[in-house]
């Protein structure tokens, strides 16, 4: 731009900022504070890929980014697992069947399912980070012949915070599939593993050179998990993670989700680890 030349305004594509109304099909309680919503997919809205997210809007209250946690090959509906932590999420999880909320999306990058074909797949989740990984699990199980061994490692705060308990148990019974769950605090009735999710690494048998790894959870968990993985010989170029930041516009305009040179909403939330490696140890970036 030369001196005196007017600045060029960047406009959003038509309609991308407008929520589409969608009916709530069901709300199921997962834990004491986390619920799974099934919503109709608005007519004309594109299907989603595993790892993408939507902006969910409660009219008159506000809007939040929520990862899609359902089956990408189940057309006509969208599923979201939501922790009730504020006014918008409370309004979402208390929706009744037939009531409406707004949806924008789907947005963002997806899990590298094509790159994972022909490899072992190691999924590592912390807390509600299992929700964005669930579509990838559904995809692998629907196309089981395209993938080798599937290992799911999941860490939660306590037994009462474990998501998808029945599915975890069912997946663990499938051929060539291993599911391990650990909690920070077990209590007297817990008979499973206790400790951070990286303590489960010693119970798995995977050849690092033939394994693709995807992670989602608190950033501190992902930092330590990646350090442990690379120390065990896993190729950092075969590690993908979801960097969920404070996304507000979902299309890279507002800048709230900036991560170094990237915007998590449009350049992510799924990144190949080498892309974000320089920023992983910069706290409060």
C-alpha atoms as a PDB file:
ATOM      1  CA  UNK A   1       0.000   0.000   0.000  1.00  0.00           C
ATOM      2  CA  UNK A   2       1.448   3.384  -1.008  1.00  0.00           C
ATOM      3  CA  UNK A   3       1.107   6.662   0.873  1.00  0.00           C
ATOM      4  CA  UNK A   4      -2.349   8.108   0.568  1.00  0.00           C
ATOM      5  CA  UNK A   5      -3.845   4.826  -0.671  1.00  0.00           C
ATOM      6  CA  UNK A   6      -6.868   3.735   1.374  1.00  0.00           C
ATOM      7  CA  UNK A   7      -6.462   0.626   3.511  1.00  0.00           C
ATOM      8  CA  UNK A   8      -8.080  -2.550   2.226  1.00  0.00           C
ATOM      9  CA  UNK A   9     -10.742  -3.850   4.561  1.00  0.00           C
ATOM     10  CA  UNK A  10     -10.857  -7.610   5.101  1.00  0.00           C
ATOM     11  CA  UNK A  11     -14.408  -8.921   5.115  1.00  0.00           C
ATOM     12  CA  UNK A  12     -15.685 -12.284   6.263  1.00  0.00           C
ATOM     13  CA  UNK A  13     -17.165 -14.523   3.581  1.00  0.00           C
ATOM     14  CA  UNK A  14     -20.921 -13.995   3.364  1.00  0.00           C
ATOM     15  CA  UNK A  15     -22.834 -15.851   6.050  1.00  0.00           C
ATOM     16  CA  UNK A  16     -19.817 -17.291   7.876  1.00  0.00           C
ATOM     17  CA  UNK A  17     -20.517 -15.193  10.992  1.00  0.00           C
ATOM     18  CA  UNK A  18     -24.234 -15.992  11.062  1.00  0.00           C
ATOM     19  CA  UNK A  19     -25.300 -18.871  13.341  1.00  0.00           C
ATOM     20  CA  UNK A  20     -27.784 -21.306  11.863  1.00  0.00           C
ATOM     21  CA  UNK A  21     -30.568 -22.441  14.215  1.00  0.00           C
ATOM     22  CA  UNK A  22     -30.562 -26.138  15.075  1.00  0.00           C
ATOM     23  CA  UNK A  23     -32.828 -28.215  17.265  1.00  0.00           C
ATOM     24  CA  UNK A  24     -31.497 -30.144  20.242  1.00  0.00           C
ATOM     25  CA  UNK A  25     -32.182 -33.859  19.802  1.00  0.00           C
ATOM     26  CA  UNK A  26     -30.976 -35.043  23.214  1.00  0.00           C
ATOM     27  CA  UNK A  27     -28.817 -34.091  26.207  1.00  0.00           C
ATOM     28  CA  UNK A  28     -27.103 -36.933  28.068  1.00  0.00           C
ATOM     29  CA  UNK A  29     -25.211 -36.568  31.336  1.00  0.00           C
ATOM     30  CA  UNK A  30     -21.643 -37.911  31.141  1.00  0.00           C
ATOM     31  CA  UNK A  31     -20.316 -36.791  34.546  1.00  0.00           C
ATOM     32  CA  UNK A  32     -21.417 -34.441  37.326  1.00  0.00           C
ATOM     33  CA  UNK A  33     -20.581 -31.388  35.182  1.00  0.00           C
ATOM     34  CA  UNK A  34     -20.238 -32.664  31.606  1.00  0.00           C
ATOM     35  CA  UNK A  35     -22.991 -33.411  29.110  1.00  0.00           C
ATOM     36  CA  UNK A  36     -23.231 -34.633  25.529  1.00  0.00           C
ATOM     37  CA  UNK A  37     -25.599 -32.776  23.204  1.00  0.00           C
ATOM     38  CA  UNK A  38     -26.928 -34.259  19.991  1.00  0.00           C
ATOM     39  CA  UNK A  39     -28.162 -31.571  17.635  1.00  0.00           C
ATOM     40  CA  UNK A  40     -29.630 -31.626  14.171  1.00  0.00           C
ATOM     41  CA  UNK A  41     -27.260 -30.584  11.414  1.00  0.00           C
ATOM     42  CA  UNK A  42     -28.709 -27.434   9.828  1.00  0.00           C
ATOM     43  CA  UNK A  43     -29.665 -27.835   6.160  1.00  0.00           C
ATOM     44  CA  UNK A  44     -26.854 -26.752   3.875  1.00  0.00           C
ATOM     45  CA  UNK A  45     -24.145 -27.028   6.546  1.00  0.00           C
ATOM     46  CA  UNK A  46     -21.106 -29.000   5.408  1.00  0.00           C
ATOM     47  CA  UNK A  47     -20.104 -32.220   7.091  1.00  0.00           C
ATOM     48  CA  UNK A  48     -17.155 -32.213   9.471  1.00  0.00           C
ATOM     49  CA  UNK A  49     -13.810 -33.967   9.660  1.00  0.00           C
ATOM     50  CA  UNK A  50     -12.460 -35.502  12.908  1.00  0.00           C
ATOM     51  CA  UNK A  51     -10.822 -32.787  15.009  1.00  0.00           C
ATOM     52  CA  UNK A  52     -12.852 -29.824  13.759  1.00  0.00           C
ATOM     53  CA  UNK A  53     -15.015 -27.591  15.942  1.00  0.00           C
ATOM     54  CA  UNK A  54     -18.162 -25.486  15.774  1.00  0.00           C
ATOM     55  CA  UNK A  55     -19.161 -22.194  17.329  1.00  0.00           C
ATOM     56  CA  UNK A  56     -22.264 -22.819  19.441  1.00  0.00           C
ATOM     57  CA  UNK A  57     -24.453 -19.801  20.087  1.00  0.00           C
ATOM     58  CA  UNK A  58     -27.149 -19.359  22.708  1.00  0.00           C
ATOM     59  CA  UNK A  59     -29.304 -16.489  21.554  1.00  0.00           C
ATOM     60  CA  UNK A  60     -29.091 -13.567  23.952  1.00  0.00           C
ATOM     61  CA  UNK A  61     -26.317 -15.180  26.043  1.00  0.00           C
ATOM     62  CA  UNK A  62     -23.172 -15.727  23.975  1.00  0.00           C
ATOM     63  CA  UNK A  63     -21.085 -18.002  21.775  1.00  0.00           C
ATOM     64  CA  UNK A  64     -18.313 -20.548  22.433  1.00  0.00           C
ATOM     65  CA  UNK A  65     -16.078 -22.886  20.391  1.00  0.00           C
ATOM     66  CA  UNK A  66     -16.885 -26.539  21.068  1.00  0.00           C
ATOM     67  CA  UNK A  67     -15.162 -29.517  19.454  1.00  0.00           C
ATOM     68  CA  UNK A  68     -17.382 -31.954  17.584  1.00  0.00           C
ATOM     69  CA  UNK A  69     -17.363 -35.294  19.392  1.00  0.00           C
ATOM     70  CA  UNK A  70     -19.639 -37.450  17.249  1.00  0.00           C
ATOM     71  CA  UNK A  71     -19.308 -39.803  14.305  1.00  0.00           C
ATOM     72  CA  UNK A  72     -18.281 -37.923  11.131  1.00  0.00           C
ATOM     73  CA  UNK A  73     -20.073 -40.532   9.032  1.00  0.00           C
ATOM     74  CA  UNK A  74     -23.401 -40.162  10.803  1.00  0.00           C
ATOM     75  CA  UNK A  75     -25.133 -37.559   8.633  1.00  0.00           C
ATOM     76  CA  UNK A  76     -27.887 -35.265   9.816  1.00  0.00           C
ATOM     77  CA  UNK A  77     -26.668 -34.634  13.344  1.00  0.00           C
ATOM     78  CA  UNK A  78     -23.785 -33.073  15.246  1.00  0.00           C
ATOM     79  CA  UNK A  79     -22.611 -34.124  18.701  1.00  0.00           C
ATOM     80  CA  UNK A  80     -20.842 -31.977  21.289  1.00  0.00           C
ATOM     81  CA  UNK A  81     -19.517 -32.890  24.731  1.00  0.00           C
ATOM     82  CA  UNK A  82     -19.722 -29.785  26.913  1.00  0.00           C
ATOM     83  CA  UNK A  83     -18.476 -29.072  30.431  1.00  0.00           C
ATOM     84  CA  UNK A  84     -20.753 -26.646  32.258  1.00  0.00           C
ATOM     85  CA  UNK A  85     -18.416 -23.911  33.518  1.00  0.00           C
ATOM     86  CA  UNK A  86     -20.185 -20.634  32.696  1.00  0.00           C
ATOM     87  CA  UNK A  87     -23.396 -18.993  31.513  1.00  0.00           C
ATOM     88  CA  UNK A  88     -23.166 -20.117  27.878  1.00  0.00           C
ATOM     89  CA  UNK A  89     -22.263 -23.730  28.620  1.00  0.00           C
ATOM     90  CA  UNK A  90     -24.919 -23.874  31.354  1.00  0.00           C
ATOM     91  CA  UNK A  91     -27.545 -22.716  28.890  1.00  0.00           C
ATOM     92  CA  UNK A  92     -26.349 -25.315  26.381  1.00  0.00           C
ATOM     93  CA  UNK A  93     -26.430 -28.293  28.735  1.00  0.00           C
ATOM     94  CA  UNK A  94     -29.844 -27.331  30.116  1.00  0.00           C
ATOM     95  CA  UNK A  95     -31.465 -27.191  26.672  1.00  0.00           C
ATOM     96  CA  UNK A  96     -34.533 -29.374  26.382  1.00  0.00           C
ATOM     97  CA  UNK A  97     -35.301 -31.656  23.466  1.00  0.00           C
ATOM     98  CA  UNK A  98     -36.787 -29.559  20.671  1.00  0.00           C
ATOM     99  CA  UNK A  99     -35.258 -26.279  21.854  1.00  0.00           C
ATOM    100  CA  UNK A 100     -32.782 -24.498  19.619  1.00  0.00           C
ATOM    101  CA  UNK A 101     -29.236 -23.166  19.666  1.00  0.00           C
ATOM    102  CA  UNK A 102     -27.145 -21.606  16.933  1.00  0.00           C
ATOM    103  CA  UNK A 103     -24.285 -23.326  15.103  1.00  0.00           C
ATOM    104  CA  UNK A 104     -21.491 -21.905  12.958  1.00  0.00           C
ATOM    105  CA  UNK A 105     -18.944 -24.102  11.258  1.00  0.00           C
ATOM    106  CA  UNK A 106     -17.401 -26.566  11.002  1.00  0.00           C
ATOM    107  CA  UNK A 107     -14.061 -24.794  11.401  1.00  0.00           C
ATOM    108  CA  UNK A 108     -10.380 -25.613  11.648  1.00  0.00           C
ATOM    109  CA  UNK A 109      -7.969 -28.335  10.656  1.00  0.00           C
ATOM    110  CA  UNK A 110      -8.573 -32.023  11.269  1.00  0.00           C
ATOM    111  CA  UNK A 111      -6.785 -35.069  12.621  1.00  0.00           C
ATOM    112  CA  UNK A 112      -4.425 -36.595   9.996  1.00  0.00           C
ATOM    113  CA  UNK A 113      -6.417 -39.726   9.270  1.00  0.00           C
ATOM    114  CA  UNK A 114      -4.842 -40.157   5.815  1.00  0.00           C
ATOM    115  CA  UNK A 115      -1.315 -39.939   7.276  1.00  0.00           C
ATOM    116  CA  UNK A 116      -2.250 -42.516   9.928  1.00  0.00           C
ATOM    117  CA  UNK A 117      -3.280 -45.187   7.424  1.00  0.00           C
ATOM    118  CA  UNK A 118      -1.088 -48.264   7.496  1.00  0.00           C
ATOM    119  CA  UNK A 119       0.362 -47.321  10.922  1.00  0.00           C
ATOM    120  CA  UNK A 120      -0.271 -48.035  14.561  1.00  0.00           C
ATOM    121  CA  UNK A 121      -2.267 -45.168  16.060  1.00  0.00           C
ATOM    122  CA  UNK A 122      -1.627 -43.962  19.610  1.00  0.00           C
ATOM    123  CA  UNK A 123      -4.231 -41.588  21.028  1.00  0.00           C
ATOM    124  CA  UNK A 124      -3.472 -39.745  24.268  1.00  0.00           C
ATOM    125  CA  UNK A 125      -6.222 -37.750  25.970  1.00  0.00           C
ATOM    126  CA  UNK A 126      -6.500 -35.753  29.159  1.00  0.00           C
ATOM    127  CA  UNK A 127      -9.836 -34.800  30.729  1.00  0.00           C
ATOM    128  CA  UNK A 128     -12.397 -33.503  28.271  1.00  0.00           C
ATOM    129  CA  UNK A 129      -9.688 -33.793  25.591  1.00  0.00           C
ATOM    130  CA  UNK A 130     -11.090 -37.253  24.891  1.00  0.00           C
ATOM    131  CA  UNK A 131     -14.097 -35.604  23.209  1.00  0.00           C
ATOM    132  CA  UNK A 132     -12.217 -34.158  20.186  1.00  0.00           C
ATOM    133  CA  UNK A 133     -10.447 -37.514  19.770  1.00  0.00           C
ATOM    134  CA  UNK A 134     -13.650 -39.552  19.699  1.00  0.00           C
ATOM    135  CA  UNK A 135     -14.446 -38.791  16.014  1.00  0.00           C
ATOM    136  CA  UNK A 136     -10.964 -40.082  15.111  1.00  0.00           C
ATOM    137  CA  UNK A 137     -11.687 -43.284  17.054  1.00  0.00           C
ATOM    138  CA  UNK A 138     -15.006 -43.693  15.247  1.00  0.00           C
ATOM    139  CA  UNK A 139     -13.238 -43.195  11.909  1.00  0.00           C
ATOM    140  CA  UNK A 140     -10.555 -45.788  12.691  1.00  0.00           C
ATOM    141  CA  UNK A 141     -13.125 -48.335  13.871  1.00  0.00           C
ATOM    142  CA  UNK A 142     -15.271 -47.804  10.760  1.00  0.00           C
ATOM    143  CA  UNK A 143     -12.213 -48.313   8.533  1.00  0.00           C
ATOM    144  CA  UNK A 144     -10.368 -50.809  10.711  1.00  0.00           C
ATOM    145  CA  UNK A 145      -8.545 -52.493   7.839  1.00  0.00           C
ATOM    146  CA  UNK A 146      -6.760 -49.243   6.984  1.00  0.00           C
ATOM    147  CA  UNK A 147      -4.994 -49.020  10.346  1.00  0.00           C
ATOM    148  CA  UNK A 148      -2.804 -51.275  12.463  1.00  0.00           C
ATOM    149  CA  UNK A 149      -2.881 -51.434  16.262  1.00  0.00           C
ATOM    150  CA  UNK A 150      -5.014 -48.847  18.072  1.00  0.00           C
ATOM    151  CA  UNK A 151      -3.964 -47.745  21.570  1.00  0.00           C
ATOM    152  CA  UNK A 152      -5.982 -45.234  23.618  1.00  0.00           C
ATOM    153  CA  UNK A 153      -4.480 -43.745  26.785  1.00  0.00           C
ATOM    154  CA  UNK A 154      -6.818 -41.589  28.847  1.00  0.00           C
ATOM    155  CA  UNK A 155      -6.216 -39.607  32.014  1.00  0.00           C
ATOM    156  CA  UNK A 156      -8.925 -38.014  34.170  1.00  0.00           C
ATOM    157  CA  UNK A 157      -8.950 -36.209  37.502  1.00  0.00           C
ATOM    158  CA  UNK A 158     -10.990 -38.860  39.306  1.00  0.00           C
ATOM    159  CA  UNK A 159     -13.233 -41.842  38.516  1.00  0.00           C
ATOM    160  CA  UNK A 160     -16.292 -39.590  38.498  1.00  0.00           C
ATOM    161  CA  UNK A 161     -14.685 -37.451  35.770  1.00  0.00           C
ATOM    162  CA  UNK A 162     -14.127 -40.302  33.288  1.00  0.00           C
ATOM    163  CA  UNK A 163     -16.006 -39.732  30.020  1.00  0.00           C
ATOM    164  CA  UNK A 164     -17.661 -42.356  27.837  1.00  0.00           C
ATOM    165  CA  UNK A 165     -17.171 -45.179  30.353  1.00  0.00           C
ATOM    166  CA  UNK A 166     -19.234 -47.734  28.410  1.00  0.00           C
ATOM    167  CA  UNK A 167     -17.504 -46.934  25.125  1.00  0.00           C
ATOM    168  CA  UNK A 168     -14.042 -47.168  26.670  1.00  0.00           C
ATOM    169  CA  UNK A 169     -14.891 -50.625  28.018  1.00  0.00           C
ATOM    170  CA  UNK A 170     -16.355 -51.733  24.670  1.00  0.00           C
ATOM    171  CA  UNK A 171     -13.395 -50.451  22.648  1.00  0.00           C
ATOM    172  CA  UNK A 172     -10.984 -52.339  24.900  1.00  0.00           C
ATOM    173  CA  UNK A 173     -12.665 -55.625  23.899  1.00  0.00           C
ATOM    174  CA  UNK A 174     -12.062 -55.082  20.182  1.00  0.00           C
ATOM    175  CA  UNK A 175      -9.287 -56.948  18.350  1.00  0.00           C
ATOM    176  CA  UNK A 176      -5.891 -55.246  18.152  1.00  0.00           C
ATOM    177  CA  UNK A 177      -7.114 -52.448  20.419  1.00  0.00           C
ATOM    178  CA  UNK A 178      -5.873 -51.447  23.864  1.00  0.00           C
ATOM    179  CA  UNK A 179      -7.563 -48.895  26.133  1.00  0.00           C
ATOM    180  CA  UNK A 180      -5.958 -47.795  29.406  1.00  0.00           C
ATOM    181  CA  UNK A 181      -7.459 -45.247  31.807  1.00  0.00           C
ATOM    182  CA  UNK A 182      -5.759 -43.594  34.752  1.00  0.00           C
ATOM    183  CA  UNK A 183      -6.929 -41.034  37.318  1.00  0.00           C
ATOM    184  CA  UNK A 184      -5.146 -38.534  39.533  1.00  0.00           C
ATOM    185  CA  UNK A 185      -7.122 -39.562  42.630  1.00  0.00           C
ATOM    186  CA  UNK A 186      -8.646 -43.007  42.759  1.00  0.00           C
ATOM    187  CA  UNK A 187     -10.454 -43.416  46.065  1.00  0.00           C
ATOM    188  CA  UNK A 188     -11.130 -46.677  47.859  1.00  0.00           C
ATOM    189  CA  UNK A 189     -13.417 -48.135  45.177  1.00  0.00           C
ATOM    190  CA  UNK A 190     -11.148 -47.471  42.166  1.00  0.00           C
ATOM    191  CA  UNK A 191      -9.371 -50.586  40.880  1.00  0.00           C
ATOM    192  CA  UNK A 192      -7.626 -49.017  37.906  1.00  0.00           C
ATOM    193  CA  UNK A 193      -4.413 -47.070  37.383  1.00  0.00           C
ATOM    194  CA  UNK A 194      -3.547 -43.981  39.417  1.00  0.00           C
ATOM    195  CA  UNK A 195      -1.180 -41.307  38.127  1.00  0.00           C
ATOM    196  CA  UNK A 196      -0.683 -38.970  35.209  1.00  0.00           C
ATOM    197  CA  UNK A 197      -1.343 -40.328  31.734  1.00  0.00           C
ATOM    198  CA  UNK A 198       2.370 -40.680  30.914  1.00  0.00           C
ATOM    199  CA  UNK A 199       2.658 -43.401  33.578  1.00  0.00           C
ATOM    200  CA  UNK A 200       0.690 -45.628  31.175  1.00  0.00           C
ATOM    201  CA  UNK A 201       3.466 -45.593  28.579  1.00  0.00           C
ATOM    202  CA  UNK A 202       5.222 -48.524  30.232  1.00  0.00           C
ATOM    203  CA  UNK A 203       2.194 -50.748  29.620  1.00  0.00           C
ATOM    204  CA  UNK A 204       2.055 -50.359  25.840  1.00  0.00           C
ATOM    205  CA  UNK A 205       4.050 -52.144  23.153  1.00  0.00           C
ATOM    206  CA  UNK A 206       4.333 -50.115  19.969  1.00  0.00           C
ATOM    207  CA  UNK A 207       7.175 -49.763  17.493  1.00  0.00           C
ATOM    208  CA  UNK A 208       7.827 -45.990  17.436  1.00  0.00           C
ATOM    209  CA  UNK A 209       8.855 -45.943  13.773  1.00  0.00           C
ATOM    210  CA  UNK A 210       5.495 -47.420  12.773  1.00  0.00           C
ATOM    211  CA  UNK A 211       3.267 -45.306  15.008  1.00  0.00           C
ATOM    212  CA  UNK A 212       1.348 -42.061  14.520  1.00  0.00           C
ATOM    213  CA  UNK A 213       0.372 -40.230  17.714  1.00  0.00           C
ATOM    214  CA  UNK A 214      -2.412 -37.721  18.304  1.00  0.00           C
ATOM    215  CA  UNK A 215      -2.967 -35.868  21.565  1.00  0.00           C
ATOM    216  CA  UNK A 216      -5.574 -33.608  23.102  1.00  0.00           C
ATOM    217  CA  UNK A 217      -5.777 -32.279  26.633  1.00  0.00           C
ATOM    218  CA  UNK A 218      -4.238 -29.656  28.919  1.00  0.00           C
ATOM    219  CA  UNK A 219      -1.131 -28.130  27.363  1.00  0.00           C
ATOM    220  CA  UNK A 220       1.064 -29.127  30.298  1.00  0.00           C
ATOM    221  CA  UNK A 221      -0.006 -32.744  29.816  1.00  0.00           C
ATOM    222  CA  UNK A 222       0.782 -32.602  26.109  1.00  0.00           C
ATOM    223  CA  UNK A 223       4.204 -31.028  26.741  1.00  0.00           C
ATOM    224  CA  UNK A 224       5.283 -33.791  29.119  1.00  0.00           C
ATOM    225  CA  UNK A 225       3.735 -36.519  26.975  1.00  0.00           C
ATOM    226  CA  UNK A 226       5.623 -35.356  23.892  1.00  0.00           C
ATOM    227  CA  UNK A 227       8.904 -35.138  25.826  1.00  0.00           C
ATOM    228  CA  UNK A 228       8.404 -38.704  27.032  1.00  0.00           C
ATOM    229  CA  UNK A 229       7.427 -39.939  23.572  1.00  0.00           C
ATOM    230  CA  UNK A 230      10.441 -38.429  21.827  1.00  0.00           C
ATOM    231  CA  UNK A 231      12.716 -39.802  24.557  1.00  0.00           C
ATOM    232  CA  UNK A 232      11.315 -43.246  23.718  1.00  0.00           C
ATOM    233  CA  UNK A 233      12.130 -42.820  20.036  1.00  0.00           C
ATOM    234  CA  UNK A 234       8.806 -41.624  18.625  1.00  0.00           C
ATOM    235  CA  UNK A 235       9.256 -39.359  15.606  1.00  0.00           C
ATOM    236  CA  UNK A 236       8.066 -35.827  16.421  1.00  0.00           C
ATOM    237  CA  UNK A 237       7.000 -35.465  12.781  1.00  0.00           C
ATOM    238  CA  UNK A 238       4.449 -38.232  13.441  1.00  0.00           C
ATOM    239  CA  UNK A 239       2.898 -36.413  16.416  1.00  0.00           C
ATOM    240  CA  UNK A 240      -0.192 -34.225  16.073  1.00  0.00           C
ATOM    241  CA  UNK A 241      -1.926 -32.252  18.801  1.00  0.00           C
ATOM    242  CA  UNK A 242      -4.908 -29.963  19.254  1.00  0.00           C
ATOM    243  CA  UNK A 243      -4.023 -26.487  20.541  1.00  0.00           C
ATOM    244  CA  UNK A 244      -7.328 -25.090  21.711  1.00  0.00           C
ATOM    245  CA  UNK A 245      -7.015 -21.425  22.580  1.00  0.00           C
ATOM    246  CA  UNK A 246      -9.485 -18.613  23.280  1.00  0.00           C
ATOM    247  CA  UNK A 247     -11.226 -18.751  19.906  1.00  0.00           C
ATOM    248  CA  UNK A 248     -13.928 -16.159  19.367  1.00  0.00           C
ATOM    249  CA  UNK A 249     -14.438 -15.450  15.670  1.00  0.00           C
ATOM    250  CA  UNK A 250     -13.307 -18.885  14.333  1.00  0.00           C
ATOM    251  CA  UNK A 251     -11.988 -17.399  11.088  1.00  0.00           C
ATOM    252  CA  UNK A 252      -8.744 -15.655  12.057  1.00  0.00           C
ATOM    253  CA  UNK A 253     -10.051 -12.092  12.255  1.00  0.00           C
ATOM    254  CA  UNK A 254     -10.125 -11.229  15.965  1.00  0.00           C
ATOM    255  CA  UNK A 255      -6.641 -12.456  16.940  1.00  0.00           C
ATOM    256  CA  UNK A 256      -7.647 -13.856  20.336  1.00  0.00           C
ATOM    257  CA  UNK A 257      -6.315 -17.336  19.541  1.00  0.00           C
ATOM    258  CA  UNK A 258      -2.935 -16.295  18.142  1.00  0.00           C
ATOM    259  CA  UNK A 259      -0.107 -18.761  18.756  1.00  0.00           C
ATOM    260  CA  UNK A 260       3.129 -17.313  17.421  1.00  0.00           C
ATOM    261  CA  UNK A 261       2.513 -16.836  13.680  1.00  0.00           C
ATOM    262  CA  UNK A 262      -0.606 -19.030  13.735  1.00  0.00           C
ATOM    263  CA  UNK A 263      -4.266 -18.594  14.565  1.00  0.00           C
ATOM    264  CA  UNK A 264      -5.576 -21.704  16.316  1.00  0.00           C
ATOM    265  CA  UNK A 265      -9.032 -21.314  14.791  1.00  0.00           C
ATOM    266  CA  UNK A 266      -7.976 -21.466  11.135  1.00  0.00           C
ATOM    267  CA  UNK A 267      -4.374 -22.777  11.112  1.00  0.00           C
ATOM    268  CA  UNK A 268      -5.361 -25.292  13.804  1.00  0.00           C
ATOM    269  CA  UNK A 269      -6.630 -26.428  16.187  1.00  0.00           C
ATOM    270  CA  UNK A 270      -4.811 -29.559  14.962  1.00  0.00           C
ATOM    271  CA  UNK A 271      -1.101 -28.968  14.363  1.00  0.00           C
ATOM    272  CA  UNK A 272       1.787 -31.221  13.492  1.00  0.00           C
ATOM    273  CA  UNK A 273       4.112 -30.957  16.486  1.00  0.00           C
ATOM    274  CA  UNK A 274       7.111 -29.413  14.632  1.00  0.00           C
ATOM    275  CA  UNK A 275       4.855 -26.489  13.666  1.00  0.00           C
ATOM    276  CA  UNK A 276       4.261 -25.453  17.281  1.00  0.00           C
ATOM    277  CA  UNK A 277       7.359 -26.898  18.971  1.00  0.00           C
ATOM    278  CA  UNK A 278       9.038 -23.451  19.430  1.00  0.00           C
ATOM    279  CA  UNK A 279       5.967 -22.201  21.346  1.00  0.00           C
ATOM    280  CA  UNK A 280       5.193 -25.185  23.591  1.00  0.00           C
ATOM    281  CA  UNK A 281       7.495 -24.065  26.408  1.00  0.00           C
ATOM    282  CA  UNK A 282       6.557 -20.382  26.267  1.00  0.00           C
ATOM    283  CA  UNK A 283       4.109 -20.001  29.114  1.00  0.00           C
ATOM    284  CA  UNK A 284       1.143 -17.647  28.700  1.00  0.00           C
ATOM    285  CA  UNK A 285       1.876 -17.121  25.019  1.00  0.00           C
END
